[in-house]
Structures are given as structure tokens and as C-alpha cells.
């Protein structure tokens, strides 16, 4: 009997590499979301600290500068939240792509495993038949020798 060979091995390898690519994309998307959220949190913490410092006493000119700084920082925080929402949508898409790639890989792995089990069962039957045939041949040979030596 022939050795086991899965005809879709190349496809299986390709699907496996696809899963690896999707895992890398997912990791990058997670890192991007975390970075944007961290940046927004840092700016919000800076604003909170600055507000406390400005409340201690400021002049009119400083208040004008503070207002411009505050608006610019709030705008940047809002922009970061928008970018984070977009990054989370990309993260969701990357997660779904990984799930789909993993599903396709598992489908092929299951097919390979099923075919291997079928091949192994056929191999066992063939080996058993060969062993039985060999045993019967040996038994017939021994019976033939026993008859010729007694006769």
C-alpha cells in the first residue's frame, strides 16, 4: 500500500500561513487601539494637572493662552477618540478575519485527519489480510512437508 499523502498539503500550509498573517494583523490592530487610548488618557491627565495649576492664579494673558491650549488639547483628545473608534472597527474586522482563516484551516486539518484515519484503517485491513495469507501459506507448506515425509 502507498504511504499516506494528503493531496491538499500545499493548501493546508498556505492556510496555516494565512492564519499567521491574520494573527499579526490582529496584534497590530490591538497595539494601535491601545496606543490611541493611552495617548488620549495621557492628554486628559495633563489637562487635569494643568487645570489645577492654573486655578492657583493666572493673569488675563495667561488665561488667553490657557484657553487656546485647552481647546487645542480637547480637539486632539476628540480626534484621538475618533481614531480609536476607527481602530477598534479595524480590530473587529481583523478579529473576524482571523476567526475565518482559523475556521478554514481547521476544516482542512479535519479533512486530513479523516482521510488519514481512513487510510490507516485500510492499511490495517491490508496488513491483516497479508498476515493471514502468509500464515495460511506457511501452514499449507508445513502440512505439505508433513504429508510427503510420512508417505
Protein backbone atom coordinates (compact mmCIF):
# COMPACT_ATOMS: atom_id res chain seq x y z
CA UNK A 1 0.00 0.00 0.00
CA UNK A 2 1.14 3.51 -0.69
CA UNK A 3 2.31 5.83 2.06
CA UNK A 4 -0.23 8.38 3.27
CA UNK A 5 -0.23 11.54 1.20
CA UNK A 6 -2.71 14.37 1.64
CA UNK A 7 -3.28 15.97 -1.75
CA UNK A 8 -4.16 19.34 -0.23
CA UNK A 9 -0.97 19.67 1.83
CA UNK A 10 0.12 22.81 -0.03
CA UNK A 11 -3.28 24.40 0.58
CA UNK A 12 -3.03 23.42 4.24
CA UNK A 13 0.38 25.09 4.52
CA UNK A 14 -0.94 28.19 2.77
CA UNK A 15 -3.95 28.36 5.08
CA UNK A 16 -1.65 27.98 8.07
CA UNK A 17 0.46 30.90 6.89
CA UNK A 18 -2.74 32.89 6.33
CA UNK A 19 -3.65 32.33 9.99
CA UNK A 20 -0.19 33.60 11.00
CA UNK A 21 -0.65 36.73 8.87
CA UNK A 22 -4.08 37.37 10.38
CA UNK A 23 -2.64 36.93 13.89
CA UNK A 24 0.00 39.55 13.11
CA UNK A 25 -2.67 41.93 11.75
CA UNK A 26 -4.75 41.42 14.88
CA UNK A 27 -1.76 42.10 17.12
CA UNK A 28 -1.02 45.32 15.21
CA UNK A 29 -4.65 46.41 15.49
CA UNK A 30 -4.66 45.73 19.24
CA UNK A 31 -1.45 47.71 19.64
CA UNK A 32 -2.90 50.62 17.64
CA UNK A 33 -6.06 50.78 19.74
CA UNK A 34 -4.03 50.63 22.95
CA UNK A 35 -1.68 53.37 21.71
CA UNK A 36 -4.54 55.72 20.80
CA UNK A 37 -6.34 55.11 24.08
CA UNK A 38 -3.11 55.63 26.02
CA UNK A 39 -2.40 58.90 24.18
CA UNK A 40 -5.91 60.21 24.89
CA UNK A 41 -5.65 59.24 28.56
CA UNK A 42 -2.25 60.95 28.82
CA UNK A 43 -3.61 64.20 27.35
CA UNK A 44 -6.64 64.09 29.64
CA UNK A 45 -4.37 63.58 32.66
CA UNK A 46 -2.18 66.51 31.53
CA UNK A 47 -5.25 68.73 31.22
CA UNK A 48 -6.41 67.78 34.69
CA UNK A 49 -2.98 68.60 36.11
CA UNK A 50 -2.82 71.88 34.19
CA UNK A 51 -6.30 72.93 35.36
CA UNK A 52 -5.21 72.52 38.97
CA UNK A 53 -2.08 74.61 38.33
CA UNK A 54 -4.00 77.39 36.53
CA UNK A 55 -6.57 77.68 39.32
CA UNK A 56 -3.85 78.83 41.70
CA UNK A 57 -3.65 82.19 39.98
CA UNK A 58 -3.24 83.48 36.49
CA UNK A 59 -3.26 86.76 34.64
CA UNK A 60 -5.52 87.65 31.70
CA UNK A 61 -2.81 86.96 29.12
CA UNK A 62 -2.11 83.57 30.66
CA UNK A 63 -5.82 82.77 30.65
CA UNK A 64 -5.98 83.55 26.95
CA UNK A 65 -3.05 81.21 26.31
CA UNK A 66 -4.61 78.62 28.57
CA UNK A 67 -7.90 78.79 26.67
CA UNK A 68 -6.13 78.21 23.35
CA UNK A 69 -4.11 75.34 24.83
CA UNK A 70 -7.22 73.82 26.42
CA UNK A 71 -9.23 73.94 23.17
CA UNK A 72 -6.35 72.55 21.11
CA UNK A 73 -5.83 69.70 23.61
CA UNK A 74 -9.57 68.92 23.78
CA UNK A 75 -9.67 68.83 19.96
CA UNK A 76 -6.69 66.46 19.93
CA UNK A 77 -8.36 64.23 22.53
CA UNK A 78 -11.57 64.16 20.47
CA UNK A 79 -9.54 63.31 17.36
CA UNK A 80 -7.81 60.51 19.25
CA UNK A 81 -11.18 59.12 20.34
CA UNK A 82 -12.37 59.14 16.72
CA UNK A 83 -9.17 57.41 15.60
CA UNK A 84 -9.53 54.91 18.44
CA UNK A 85 -13.09 54.11 17.34
CA UNK A 86 -11.86 53.56 13.79
CA UNK A 87 -9.01 51.42 15.10
CA UNK A 88 -11.48 49.37 17.14
CA UNK A 89 -13.56 48.80 14.00
CA UNK A 90 -10.38 47.65 12.22
CA UNK A 91 -9.62 45.46 15.23
CA UNK A 92 -13.06 43.88 14.97
CA UNK A 93 -12.51 43.25 11.26
CA UNK A 94 -9.06 41.75 11.94
CA UNK A 95 -10.52 39.53 14.65
CA UNK A 96 -13.23 38.31 12.28
CA UNK A 97 -10.64 37.66 9.55
CA UNK A 98 -8.58 35.61 11.99
CA UNK A 99 -11.61 33.59 13.04
CA UNK A 100 -12.46 32.92 9.40
CA UNK A 101 -8.88 31.97 8.47
CA UNK A 102 -8.69 29.69 11.50
CA UNK A 103 -12.00 28.07 10.56
CA UNK A 104 -10.75 27.37 7.03
CA UNK A 105 -7.52 25.91 8.42
CA UNK A 106 -9.35 23.66 10.88
CA UNK A 107 -11.66 22.47 8.12
CA UNK A 108 -8.68 21.27 6.08
CA UNK A 109 -7.00 19.77 9.16
CA UNK A 110 -10.16 17.83 9.95
CA UNK A 111 -10.36 16.63 6.35
CA UNK A 112 -6.72 15.50 6.51
CA UNK A 113 -7.31 13.72 9.82
CA UNK A 114 -10.39 11.95 8.45
CA UNK A 115 -8.53 10.81 5.36
CA UNK A 116 -5.58 9.68 7.48
CA UNK A 117 -7.84 7.60 9.74
CA UNK A 118 -9.45 6.03 6.65
CA UNK A 119 -6.00 5.33 5.18
CA UNK A 120 -4.80 3.82 8.48
CA UNK A 121 -7.88 1.57 8.66
CA UNK A 122 -7.30 0.43 5.07
CA UNK A 123 -3.63 -0.14 5.86
CA UNK A 124 -4.53 -2.24 8.90
CA UNK A 125 -7.01 -4.34 6.89
CA UNK A 126 -4.43 -4.89 4.16
CA UNK A 127 -1.75 -5.79 6.68
CA UNK A 128 -4.13 -8.16 8.44
CA UNK A 129 -5.07 -9.81 5.14
CA UNK A 130 -1.39 -10.15 4.24
CA UNK A 131 -0.59 -11.66 7.63
CA UNK A 132 -3.49 -14.13 7.34
CA UNK A 133 -2.43 -15.08 3.82
CA UNK A 134 1.15 -15.53 4.94
CA UNK A 135 0.08 -17.66 7.90
CA UNK A 136 -2.10 -19.87 5.69
CA UNK A 137 0.71 -20.28 3.15
CA UNK A 138 3.12 -21.29 5.89
CA UNK A 139 0.56 -23.71 7.34
CA UNK A 140 -0.05 -25.28 3.92
CA UNK A 141 3.68 -25.58 3.34
CA UNK A 142 4.15 -27.32 6.69
CA UNK A 143 1.18 -29.63 6.02
CA UNK A 144 2.59 -30.49 2.58
CA UNK A 145 6.01 -31.35 4.10
CA UNK A 146 4.40 -33.45 6.83
CA UNK A 147 2.46 -35.48 4.24
CA UNK A 148 5.43 -36.03 1.97
CA UNK A 149 7.68 -37.19 4.85
CA UNK A 150 5.04 -39.63 6.18
CA UNK A 151 4.15 -41.15 2.82
